[in-house]
Amino acid sequence: MAVYTGTTPGAQLPIDPSPHHCVEKVETTIDEAERVVDIVEDVAEKVDELAEEAVKHLPEGKLRDAVEFVENVAEDIDQHAENAEDALQKVLIFISISYAQIFNKVN
């Protein structure tokens, strides 16, 4: 009698537990995250530019206040995206240094 819990019977995919493979996966993930952060940053900058230009042409009132609010949010998002990019770079540097230290101890 065989019982399967959410898996298809058959050959299992090989898993490479080597440190090099793990570092490659982390680097790939960080690269993808950086691409997303770049897109978020670009969109936030464009929204900020558009809102800033719109504010120049709007009279005082609720609509202008709303556009100024959008401008401030876009600036905040841009800053957070820059912070995220910096953090991702630090993680990448940390992983690279850690891998080099592990690799040197093994050899």
PDB file of N, CA and C in Angstrom:
ATOM      1  N   MET A   1       0.848  -1.175   0.000  1.00  0.00           N
ATOM      2  CA  MET A   1       0.000   0.000   0.000  1.00  0.00           C
ATOM      3  C   MET A   1       0.889   1.232   0.000  1.00  0.00           C
ATOM      4  N   ALA A   2       0.613   2.184  -0.894  1.00  0.00           N
ATOM      5  CA  ALA A   2       1.398   3.416  -0.984  1.00  0.00           C
ATOM      6  C   ALA A   2       0.478   4.601  -0.713  1.00  0.00           C
ATOM      7  N   VAL A   3       0.981   5.540   0.070  1.00  0.00           N
ATOM      8  CA  VAL A   3       0.227   6.758   0.373  1.00  0.00           C
ATOM      9  C   VAL A   3       1.065   7.945  -0.065  1.00  0.00           C
ATOM     10  N   TYR A   4       0.482   8.800  -0.894  1.00  0.00           N
ATOM     11  CA  TYR A   4       1.175   9.993  -1.376  1.00  0.00           C
ATOM     12  C   TYR A   4       0.484  11.219  -0.811  1.00  0.00           C
ATOM     13  N   THR A   5       1.279  12.141  -0.319  1.00  0.00           N
ATOM     14  CA  THR A   5       0.697  13.345   0.280  1.00  0.00           C
ATOM     15  C   THR A   5       1.081  14.574  -0.528  1.00  0.00           C
ATOM     16  N   GLY A   6       0.322  14.837  -1.536  1.00  0.00           N
ATOM     17  CA  GLY A   6       0.534  16.064  -2.307  1.00  0.00           C
ATOM     18  C   GLY A   6       1.712  16.028  -3.259  1.00  0.00           C
ATOM     19  N   THR A   7       2.307  14.864  -3.469  1.00  0.00           N
ATOM     20  CA  THR A   7       3.420  14.773  -4.409  1.00  0.00           C
ATOM     21  C   THR A   7       3.120  13.718  -5.441  1.00  0.00           C
ATOM     22  N   THR A   8       3.653  13.903  -6.602  1.00  0.00           N
ATOM     23  CA  THR A   8       3.499  12.928  -7.663  1.00  0.00           C
ATOM     24  C   THR A   8       4.595  11.886  -7.516  1.00  0.00           C
ATOM     25  N   PRO A   9       4.239  10.592  -7.568  1.00  0.00           N
ATOM     26  CA  PRO A   9       5.277   9.573  -7.444  1.00  0.00           C
ATOM     27  C   PRO A   9       6.214   9.625  -8.635  1.00  0.00           C
ATOM     28  N   GLY A  10       7.439   9.297  -8.415  1.00  0.00           N
ATOM     29  CA  GLY A  10       8.423   9.290  -9.489  1.00  0.00           C
ATOM     30  C   GLY A  10       9.751   9.772  -8.978  1.00  0.00           C
ATOM     31  N   ALA A  11      10.649  10.006  -9.913  1.00  0.00           N
ATOM     32  CA  ALA A  11      12.000  10.434  -9.552  1.00  0.00           C
ATOM     33  C   ALA A  11      11.962  11.845  -8.977  1.00  0.00           C
ATOM     34  N   GLN A  12      12.722  12.043  -7.933  1.00  0.00           N
ATOM     35  CA  GLN A  12      12.834  13.366  -7.321  1.00  0.00           C
ATOM     36  C   GLN A  12      13.858  14.195  -8.079  1.00  0.00           C
ATOM     37  N   LEU A  13      13.619  15.477  -8.147  1.00  0.00           N
ATOM     38  CA  LEU A  13      14.582  16.372  -8.781  1.00  0.00           C
ATOM     39  C   LEU A  13      15.819  16.479  -7.902  1.00  0.00           C
ATOM     40  N   PRO A  14      16.986  16.471  -8.500  1.00  0.00           N
ATOM     41  CA  PRO A  14      18.199  16.586  -7.685  1.00  0.00           C
ATOM     42  C   PRO A  14      18.310  17.982  -7.075  1.00  0.00           C
ATOM     43  N   ILE A  15      18.764  18.033  -5.855  1.00  0.00           N
ATOM     44  CA  ILE A  15      18.977  19.301  -5.169  1.00  0.00           C
ATOM     45  C   ILE A  15      20.466  19.440  -4.936  1.00  0.00           C
ATOM     46  N   ASP A  16      21.011  20.560  -5.342  1.00  0.00           N
ATOM     47  CA  ASP A  16      22.440  20.818  -5.181  1.00  0.00           C
ATOM     48  C   ASP A  16      22.631  21.641  -3.911  1.00  0.00           C
ATOM     49  N   PRO A  17      23.093  21.016  -2.822  1.00  0.00           N
ATOM     50  CA  PRO A  17      23.235  21.745  -1.560  1.00  0.00           C
ATOM     51  C   PRO A  17      24.568  22.479  -1.426  1.00  0.00           C
ATOM     52  N   SER A  18      25.337  22.549  -2.500  1.00  0.00           N
ATOM     53  CA  SER A  18      26.661  23.160  -2.387  1.00  0.00           C
ATOM     54  C   SER A  18      26.553  24.652  -2.086  1.00  0.00           C
ATOM     55  N   PRO A  19      27.540  25.193  -1.359  1.00  0.00           N
ATOM     56  CA  PRO A  19      27.518  26.632  -1.068  1.00  0.00           C
ATOM     57  C   PRO A  19      27.497  27.478  -2.343  1.00  0.00           C
ATOM     58  N   HIS A  20      28.204  27.019  -3.371  1.00  0.00           N
ATOM     59  CA  HIS A  20      28.245  27.779  -4.629  1.00  0.00           C
ATOM     60  C   HIS A  20      26.848  27.895  -5.231  1.00  0.00           C
ATOM     61  N   HIS A  21      26.100  26.790  -5.217  1.00  0.00           N
ATOM     62  CA  HIS A  21      24.740  26.800  -5.755  1.00  0.00           C
ATOM     63  C   HIS A  21      23.846  27.742  -4.943  1.00  0.00           C
ATOM     64  N   CYS A  22      23.987  27.702  -3.635  1.00  0.00           N
ATOM     65  CA  CYS A  22      23.186  28.574  -2.763  1.00  0.00           C
ATOM     66  C   CYS A  22      23.501  30.044  -3.032  1.00  0.00           C
ATOM     67  N   VAL A  23      24.773  30.356  -3.193  1.00  0.00           N
ATOM     68  CA  VAL A  23      25.183  31.736  -3.469  1.00  0.00           C
ATOM     69  C   VAL A  23      24.605  32.183  -4.807  1.00  0.00           C
ATOM     70  N   GLU A  24      24.641  31.303  -5.807  1.00  0.00           N
ATOM     71  CA  GLU A  24      24.074  31.651  -7.114  1.00  0.00           C
ATOM     72  C   GLU A  24      22.582  31.951  -6.999  1.00  0.00           C
ATOM     73  N   LYS A  25      21.857  31.138  -6.220  1.00  0.00           N
ATOM     74  CA  LYS A  25      20.421  31.370  -6.043  1.00  0.00           C
ATOM     75  C   LYS A  25      20.163  32.703  -5.346  1.00  0.00           C
ATOM     76  N   VAL A  26      20.957  33.004  -4.333  1.00  0.00           N
ATOM     77  CA  VAL A  26      20.799  34.272  -3.622  1.00  0.00           C
ATOM     78  C   VAL A  26      21.110  35.437  -4.572  1.00  0.00           C
ATOM     79  N   GLU A  27      22.183  35.335  -5.344  1.00  0.00           N
ATOM     80  CA  GLU A  27      22.541  36.397  -6.286  1.00  0.00           C
ATOM     81  C   GLU A  27      21.442  36.602  -7.321  1.00  0.00           C
ATOM     82  N   THR A  28      20.875  35.509  -7.826  1.00  0.00           N
ATOM     83  CA  THR A  28      19.792  35.613  -8.805  1.00  0.00           C
ATOM     84  C   THR A  28      18.571  36.293  -8.186  1.00  0.00           C
ATOM     85  N   THR A  29      18.249  35.914  -6.967  1.00  0.00           N
ATOM     86  CA  THR A  29      17.110  36.516  -6.274  1.00  0.00           C
ATOM     87  C   THR A  29      17.338  38.005  -6.039  1.00  0.00           C
ATOM     88  N   ILE A  30      18.549  38.364  -5.639  1.00  0.00           N
ATOM     89  CA  ILE A  30      18.869  39.777  -5.409  1.00  0.00           C
ATOM     90  C   ILE A  30      18.808  40.552  -6.718  1.00  0.00           C
ATOM     91  N   ASP A  31      19.305  39.966  -7.806  1.00  0.00           N
ATOM     92  CA  ASP A  31      19.226  40.628  -9.117  1.00  0.00           C
ATOM     93  C   ASP A  31      17.772  40.910  -9.493  1.00  0.00           C
ATOM     94  N   GLU A  32      16.908  39.925  -9.281  1.00  0.00           N
ATOM     95  CA  GLU A  32      15.489  40.114  -9.586  1.00  0.00           C
ATOM     96  C   GLU A  32      14.881  41.202  -8.700  1.00  0.00           C
ATOM     97  N   ALA A  33      15.210  41.173  -7.422  1.00  0.00           N
ATOM     98  CA  ALA A  33      14.699  42.184  -6.497  1.00  0.00           C
ATOM     99  C   ALA A  33      15.184  43.578  -6.901  1.00  0.00           C
ATOM    100  N   GLU A  34      16.435  43.680  -7.330  1.00  0.00           N
ATOM    101  CA  GLU A  34      16.964  44.981  -7.771  1.00  0.00           C
ATOM    102  C   GLU A  34      16.230  45.483  -9.003  1.00  0.00           C
ATOM    103  N   ARG A  35      15.867  44.571  -9.921  1.00  0.00           N
ATOM    104  CA  ARG A  35      15.103  44.989 -11.102  1.00  0.00           C
ATOM    105  C   ARG A  35      13.737  45.539 -10.687  1.00  0.00           C
ATOM    106  N   VAL A  36      13.103  44.880  -9.737  1.00  0.00           N
ATOM    107  CA  VAL A  36      11.800  45.349  -9.256  1.00  0.00           C
ATOM    108  C   VAL A  36      11.954  46.710  -8.582  1.00  0.00           C
ATOM    109  N   VAL A  37      12.975  46.855  -7.759  1.00  0.00           N
ATOM    110  CA  VAL A  37      13.215  48.129  -7.072  1.00  0.00           C
ATOM    111  C   VAL A  37      13.470  49.238  -8.087  1.00  0.00           C
ATOM    112  N   ASP A  38      14.227  48.942  -9.133  1.00  0.00           N
ATOM    113  CA  ASP A  38      14.481  49.949 -10.179  1.00  0.00           C
ATOM    114  C   ASP A  38      13.186  50.393 -10.840  1.00  0.00           C
ATOM    115  N   ILE A  39      12.296  49.449 -11.098  1.00  0.00           N
ATOM    116  CA  ILE A  39      11.010  49.792 -11.725  1.00  0.00           C
ATOM    117  C   ILE A  39      10.183  50.656 -10.775  1.00  0.00           C
ATOM    118  N   VAL A  40      10.119  50.270  -9.518  1.00  0.00           N
ATOM    119  CA  VAL A  40       9.371  51.049  -8.521  1.00  0.00           C
ATOM    120  C   VAL A  40       9.941  52.460  -8.427  1.00  0.00           C
ATOM    121  N   GLU A  41      11.267  52.543  -8.400  1.00  0.00           N
ATOM    122  CA  GLU A  41      11.935  53.840  -8.308  1.00  0.00           C
ATOM    123  C   GLU A  41      11.620  54.709  -9.531  1.00  0.00           C
ATOM    124  N   ASP A  42      11.671  54.122 -10.723  1.00  0.00           N
ATOM    125  CA  ASP A  42      11.365  54.875 -11.946  1.00  0.00           C
ATOM    126  C   ASP A  42       9.931  55.387 -11.947  1.00  0.00           C
ATOM    127  N   VAL A  43       9.003  54.525 -11.556  1.00  0.00           N
ATOM    128  CA  VAL A  43       7.595  54.931 -11.529  1.00  0.00           C
ATOM    129  C   VAL A  43       7.379  56.039 -10.501  1.00  0.00           C
ATOM    130  N   ALA A  44       7.969  55.889  -9.332  1.00  0.00           N
ATOM    131  CA  ALA A  44       7.820  56.916  -8.286  1.00  0.00           C
ATOM    132  C   ALA A  44       8.379  58.256  -8.751  1.00  0.00           C
ATOM    133  N   GLU A  45       9.525  58.224  -9.425  1.00  0.00           N
ATOM    134  CA  GLU A  45      10.113  59.478  -9.926  1.00  0.00           C
ATOM    135  C   GLU A  45       9.218  60.125 -10.966  1.00  0.00           C
ATOM    136  N   LYS A  46       8.628  59.331 -11.859  1.00  0.00           N
ATOM    137  CA  LYS A  46       7.733  59.884 -12.888  1.00  0.00           C
ATOM    138  C   LYS A  46       6.474  60.470 -12.251  1.00  0.00           C
ATOM    139  N   VAL A  47       5.900  59.763 -11.283  1.00  0.00           N
ATOM    140  CA  VAL A  47       4.709  60.271 -10.590  1.00  0.00           C
ATOM    141  C   VAL A  47       5.042  61.580  -9.880  1.00  0.00           C
ATOM    142  N   ASP A  48       6.211  61.612  -9.236  1.00  0.00           N
ATOM    143  CA  ASP A  48       6.644  62.825  -8.544  1.00  0.00           C
ATOM    144  C   ASP A  48       6.762  63.986  -9.532  1.00  0.00           C
ATOM    145  N   GLU A  49       7.395  63.741 -10.678  1.00  0.00           N
ATOM    146  CA  GLU A  49       7.554  64.799 -11.692  1.00  0.00           C
ATOM    147  C   GLU A  49       6.200  65.296 -12.192  1.00  0.00           C
ATOM    148  N   LEU A  50       5.295  64.358 -12.495  1.00  0.00           N
ATOM    149  CA  LEU A  50       3.972  64.742 -12.996  1.00  0.00           C
ATOM    150  C   LEU A  50       3.180  65.514 -11.953  1.00  0.00           C
ATOM    151  N   ALA A  51       3.227  65.050 -10.721  1.00  0.00           N
ATOM    152  CA  ALA A  51       2.492  65.738  -9.659  1.00  0.00           C
ATOM    153  C   ALA A  51       3.067  67.123  -9.420  1.00  0.00           C
ATOM    154  N   GLU A  52       4.384  67.228  -9.431  1.00  0.00           N
ATOM    155  CA  GLU A  52       5.033  68.526  -9.227  1.00  0.00           C
ATOM    156  C   GLU A  52       4.620  69.512 -10.315  1.00  0.00           C
ATOM    157  N   GLU A  53       4.563  69.031 -11.549  1.00  0.00           N
ATOM    158  CA  GLU A  53       4.157  69.892 -12.664  1.00  0.00           C
ATOM    159  C   GLU A  53       2.673  70.257 -12.546  1.00  0.00           C
ATOM    160  N   ALA A  54       1.841  69.317 -12.144  1.00  0.00           N
ATOM    161  CA  ALA A  54       0.408  69.573 -12.020  1.00  0.00           C
ATOM    162  C   ALA A  54       0.124  70.608 -10.937  1.00  0.00           C
ATOM    163  N   VAL A  55       0.862  70.531  -9.822  1.00  0.00           N
ATOM    164  CA  VAL A  55       0.656  71.468  -8.716  1.00  0.00           C
ATOM    165  C   VAL A  55       0.866  72.909  -9.181  1.00  0.00           C
ATOM    166  N   LYS A  56       1.804  73.118 -10.093  1.00  0.00           N
ATOM    167  CA  LYS A  56       2.096  74.472 -10.589  1.00  0.00           C
ATOM    168  C   LYS A  56       0.879  75.093 -11.285  1.00  0.00           C
ATOM    169  N   HIS A  57      -0.003  74.243 -11.822  1.00  0.00           N
ATOM    170  CA  HIS A  57      -1.120  74.738 -12.627  1.00  0.00           C
ATOM    171  C   HIS A  57      -2.469  74.655 -11.912  1.00  0.00           C
ATOM    172  N   LEU A  58      -2.457  74.193 -10.674  1.00  0.00           N
ATOM    173  CA  LEU A  58      -3.720  74.052  -9.948  1.00  0.00           C
ATOM    174  C   LEU A  58      -3.914  75.195  -8.956  1.00  0.00           C
ATOM    175  N   PRO A  59      -5.140  75.642  -8.832  1.00  0.00           N
ATOM    176  CA  PRO A  59      -5.421  76.670  -7.815  1.00  0.00           C
ATOM    177  C   PRO A  59      -5.438  76.023  -6.425  1.00  0.00           C
ATOM    178  N   GLU A  60      -5.358  76.853  -5.403  1.00  0.00           N
ATOM    179  CA  GLU A  60      -5.438  76.365  -4.026  1.00  0.00           C
ATOM    180  C   GLU A  60      -6.757  75.616  -3.860  1.00  0.00           C
ATOM    181  N   GLY A  61      -6.708  74.544  -3.109  1.00  0.00           N
ATOM    182  CA  GLY A  61      -7.938  73.794  -2.857  1.00  0.00           C
ATOM    183  C   GLY A  61      -7.663  72.321  -2.626  1.00  0.00           C
ATOM    184  N   LYS A  62      -8.756  71.570  -2.549  1.00  0.00           N
ATOM    185  CA  LYS A  62      -8.638  70.151  -2.228  1.00  0.00           C
ATOM    186  C   LYS A  62      -7.913  69.358  -3.307  1.00  0.00           C
ATOM    187  N   LEU A  63      -8.151  69.675  -4.564  1.00  0.00           N
ATOM    188  CA  LEU A  63      -7.479  68.938  -5.643  1.00  0.00           C
ATOM    189  C   LEU A  63      -5.979  69.161  -5.588  1.00  0.00           C
ATOM    190  N   ARG A  64      -5.575  70.403  -5.391  1.00  0.00           N
ATOM    191  CA  ARG A  64      -4.140  70.698  -5.286  1.00  0.00           C
ATOM    192  C   ARG A  64      -3.542  69.989  -4.063  1.00  0.00           C
ATOM    193  N   ASP A  65      -4.279  69.998  -2.953  1.00  0.00           N
ATOM    194  CA  ASP A  65      -3.805  69.302  -1.755  1.00  0.00           C
ATOM    195  C   ASP A  65      -3.621  67.812  -2.030  1.00  0.00           C
ATOM    196  N   ALA A  66      -4.566  67.229  -2.765  1.00  0.00           N
ATOM    197  CA  ALA A  66      -4.486  65.797  -3.087  1.00  0.00           C
ATOM    198  C   ALA A  66      -3.272  65.508  -3.974  1.00  0.00           C
ATOM    199  N   VAL A  67      -3.025  66.365  -4.942  1.00  0.00           N
ATOM    200  CA  VAL A  67      -1.874  66.167  -5.833  1.00  0.00           C
ATOM    201  C   VAL A  67      -0.570  66.350  -5.058  1.00  0.00           C
ATOM    202  N   GLU A  68      -0.529  67.309  -4.153  1.00  0.00           N
ATOM    203  CA  GLU A  68       0.666  67.478  -3.309  1.00  0.00           C
ATOM    204  C   GLU A  68       0.890  66.250  -2.432  1.00  0.00           C
ATOM    205  N   PHE A  69      -0.217  65.668  -1.940  1.00  0.00           N
ATOM    206  CA  PHE A  69      -0.112  64.448  -1.145  1.00  0.00           C
ATOM    207  C   PHE A  69       0.483  63.316  -1.990  1.00  0.00           C
ATOM    208  N   VAL A  70      -0.011  63.170  -3.217  1.00  0.00           N
ATOM    209  CA  VAL A  70       0.509  62.146  -4.130  1.00  0.00           C
ATOM    210  C   VAL A  70       1.995  62.391  -4.393  1.00  0.00           C
ATOM    211  N   GLU A  71       2.361  63.635  -4.575  1.00  0.00           N
ATOM    212  CA  GLU A  71       3.773  63.988  -4.798  1.00  0.00           C
ATOM    213  C   GLU A  71       4.632  63.555  -3.606  1.00  0.00           C
ATOM    214  N   ASN A  72       4.156  63.842  -2.396  1.00  0.00           N
ATOM    215  CA  ASN A  72       4.906  63.461  -1.193  1.00  0.00           C
ATOM    216  C   ASN A  72       5.017  61.940  -1.052  1.00  0.00           C
ATOM    217  N   VAL A  73       3.940  61.231  -1.349  1.00  0.00           N
ATOM    218  CA  VAL A  73       3.975  59.766  -1.282  1.00  0.00           C
ATOM    219  C   VAL A  73       4.970  59.221  -2.299  1.00  0.00           C
ATOM    220  N   ALA A  74       4.963  59.774  -3.499  1.00  0.00           N
ATOM    221  CA  ALA A  74       5.898  59.328  -4.538  1.00  0.00           C
ATOM    222  C   ALA A  74       7.342  59.564  -4.108  1.00  0.00           C
ATOM    223  N   GLU A  75       7.601  60.707  -3.484  1.00  0.00           N
ATOM    224  CA  GLU A  75       8.954  60.982  -2.986  1.00  0.00           C
ATOM    225  C   GLU A  75       9.357  59.977  -1.906  1.00  0.00           C
ATOM    226  N   ASP A  76       8.409  59.654  -1.007  1.00  0.00           N
ATOM    227  CA  ASP A  76       8.686  58.663   0.044  1.00  0.00           C
ATOM    228  C   ASP A  76       8.977  57.291  -0.559  1.00  0.00           C
ATOM    229  N   ILE A  77       8.173  56.891  -1.535  1.00  0.00           N
ATOM    230  CA  ILE A  77       8.375  55.592  -2.173  1.00  0.00           C
ATOM    231  C   ILE A  77       9.729  55.554  -2.871  1.00  0.00           C
ATOM    232  N   ASP A  78      10.088  56.635  -3.536  1.00  0.00           N
ATOM    233  CA  ASP A  78      11.390  56.715  -4.196  1.00  0.00           C
ATOM    234  C   ASP A  78      12.519  56.547  -3.182  1.00  0.00           C
ATOM    235  N   GLN A  79      12.391  57.204  -2.042  1.00  0.00           N
ATOM    236  CA  GLN A  79      13.414  57.093  -0.996  1.00  0.00           C
ATOM    237  C   GLN A  79      13.487  55.668  -0.447  1.00  0.00           C
ATOM    238  N   HIS A  80      12.332  55.057  -0.229  1.00  0.00           N
ATOM    239  CA  HIS A  80      12.319  53.676   0.261  1.00  0.00           C
ATOM    240  C   HIS A  80      12.930  52.725  -0.770  1.00  0.00           C
ATOM    241  N   ALA A  81      12.669  52.974  -2.036  1.00  0.00           N
ATOM    242  CA  ALA A  81      13.257  52.136  -3.086  1.00  0.00           C
ATOM    243  C   ALA A  81      14.772  52.272  -3.090  1.00  0.00           C
ATOM    244  N   GLU A  82      15.268  53.486  -2.917  1.00  0.00           N
ATOM    245  CA  GLU A  82      16.721  53.688  -2.850  1.00  0.00           C
ATOM    246  C   GLU A  82      17.306  52.963  -1.636  1.00  0.00           C
ATOM    247  N   ASN A  83      16.605  53.029  -0.498  1.00  0.00           N
ATOM    248  CA  ASN A  83      17.059  52.323   0.709  1.00  0.00           C
ATOM    249  C   ASN A  83      17.063  50.811   0.485  1.00  0.00           C
ATOM    250  N   ALA A  84      16.031  50.305  -0.190  1.00  0.00           N
ATOM    251  CA  ALA A  84      15.963  48.868  -0.481  1.00  0.00           C
ATOM    252  C   ALA A  84      17.114  48.457  -1.389  1.00  0.00           C
ATOM    253  N   GLU A  85      17.416  49.278  -2.366  1.00  0.00           N
ATOM    254  CA  GLU A  85      18.532  48.983  -3.274  1.00  0.00           C
ATOM    255  C   GLU A  85      19.854  48.938  -2.510  1.00  0.00           C
ATOM    256  N   ASP A  86      20.049  49.883  -1.616  1.00  0.00           N
ATOM    257  CA  ASP A  86      21.260  49.886  -0.779  1.00  0.00           C
ATOM    258  C   ASP A  86      21.331  48.626   0.082  1.00  0.00           C
ATOM    259  N   ALA A  87      20.210  48.245   0.673  1.00  0.00           N
ATOM    260  CA  ALA A  87      20.184  47.048   1.521  1.00  0.00           C
ATOM    261  C   ALA A  87      20.490  45.796   0.707  1.00  0.00           C
ATOM    262  N   LEU A  88      19.937  45.706  -0.500  1.00  0.00           N
ATOM    263  CA  LEU A  88      20.209  44.549  -1.349  1.00  0.00           C
ATOM    264  C   LEU A  88      21.686  44.467  -1.716  1.00  0.00           C
ATOM    265  N   GLN A  89      22.295  45.613  -1.975  1.00  0.00           N
ATOM    266  CA  GLN A  89      23.726  45.623  -2.284  1.00  0.00           C
ATOM    267  C   GLN A  89      24.541  45.144  -1.085  1.00  0.00           C
ATOM    268  N   LYS A  90      24.147  45.563   0.113  1.00  0.00           N
ATOM    269  CA  LYS A  90      24.856  45.131   1.320  1.00  0.00           C
ATOM    270  C   LYS A  90      24.716  43.628   1.531  1.00  0.00           C
ATOM    271  N   VAL A  91      23.528  43.096   1.273  1.00  0.00           N
ATOM    272  CA  VAL A  91      23.326  41.650   1.399  1.00  0.00           C
ATOM    273  C   VAL A  91      24.202  40.911   0.392  1.00  0.00           C
ATOM    274  N   LEU A  92      24.250  41.407  -0.824  1.00  0.00           N
ATOM    275  CA  LEU A  92      25.071  40.769  -1.855  1.00  0.00           C
ATOM    276  C   LEU A  92      26.548  40.779  -1.467  1.00  0.00           C
ATOM    277  N   ILE A  93      27.015  41.894  -0.949  1.00  0.00           N
ATOM    278  CA  ILE A  93      28.415  41.989  -0.503  1.00  0.00           C
ATOM    279  C   ILE A  93      28.662  41.021   0.650  1.00  0.00           C
ATOM    280  N   PHE A  94      27.729  40.975   1.607  1.00  0.00           N
ATOM    281  CA  PHE A  94      27.873  40.077   2.748  1.00  0.00           C
ATOM    282  C   PHE A  94      27.929  38.622   2.298  1.00  0.00           C
ATOM    283  N   ILE A  95      27.034  38.240   1.398  1.00  0.00           N
ATOM    284  CA  ILE A  95      26.998  36.867   0.892  1.00  0.00           C
ATOM    285  C   ILE A  95      28.295  36.543   0.156  1.00  0.00           C
ATOM    286  N   SER A  96      28.778  37.467  -0.654  1.00  0.00           N
ATOM    287  CA  SER A  96      30.018  37.236  -1.404  1.00  0.00           C
ATOM    288  C   SER A  96      31.210  37.064  -0.467  1.00  0.00           C
ATOM    289  N   ILE A  97      31.295  37.906   0.541  1.00  0.00           N
ATOM    290  CA  ILE A  97      32.405  37.810   1.501  1.00  0.00           C
ATOM    291  C   ILE A  97      32.299  36.510   2.295  1.00  0.00           C
ATOM    292  N   SER A  98      31.089  36.188   2.736  1.00  0.00           N
ATOM    293  CA  SER A  98      30.892  34.959   3.510  1.00  0.00           C
ATOM    294  C   SER A  98      31.255  33.736   2.683  1.00  0.00           C
ATOM    295  N   TYR A  99      30.831  33.718   1.430  1.00  0.00           N
ATOM    296  CA  TYR A  99      31.151  32.594   0.546  1.00  0.00           C
ATOM    297  C   TYR A  99      32.656  32.485   0.365  1.00  0.00           C
ATOM    298  N   ALA A 100      33.312  33.609   0.163  1.00  0.00           N
ATOM    299  CA  ALA A 100      34.777  33.589  -0.018  1.00  0.00           C
ATOM    300  C   ALA A 100      35.464  33.040   1.226  1.00  0.00           C
ATOM    301  N   GLN A 101      34.983  33.424   2.392  1.00  0.00           N
ATOM    302  CA  GLN A 101      35.573  32.921   3.640  1.00  0.00           C
ATOM    303  C   GLN A 101      35.353  31.420   3.793  1.00  0.00           C
ATOM    304  N   ILE A 102      34.150  30.951   3.477  1.00  0.00           N
ATOM    305  CA  ILE A 102      33.860  29.519   3.562  1.00  0.00           C
ATOM    306  C   ILE A 102      34.710  28.755   2.559  1.00  0.00           C
ATOM    307  N   PHE A 103      34.770  29.269   1.338  1.00  0.00           N
ATOM    308  CA  PHE A 103      35.530  28.608   0.288  1.00  0.00           C
ATOM    309  C   PHE A 103      37.017  28.531   0.650  1.00  0.00           C
ATOM    310  N   ASN A 104      37.554  29.584   1.238  1.00  0.00           N
ATOM    311  CA  ASN A 104      38.969  29.586   1.626  1.00  0.00           C
ATOM    312  C   ASN A 104      39.233  28.604   2.759  1.00  0.00           C
ATOM    313  N   LYS A 105      38.286  28.419   3.672  1.00  0.00           N
ATOM    314  CA  LYS A 105      38.468  27.468   4.765  1.00  0.00           C
ATOM    315  C   LYS A 105      38.450  26.029   4.253  1.00  0.00           C
ATOM    316  N   VAL A 106      37.625  25.773   3.209  1.00  0.00           N
ATOM    317  CA  VAL A 106      37.521  24.444   2.661  1.00  0.00           C
ATOM    318  C   VAL A 106      38.789  24.071   1.902  1.00  0.00           C
ATOM    319  N   ASN A 107      39.362  25.030   1.203  1.00  0.00           N
ATOM    320  CA  ASN A 107      40.545  24.743   0.383  1.00  0.00           C
ATOM    321  C   ASN A 107      41.785  24.910   1.166  1.00  0.00           C
TER     322      ASN A 107
END
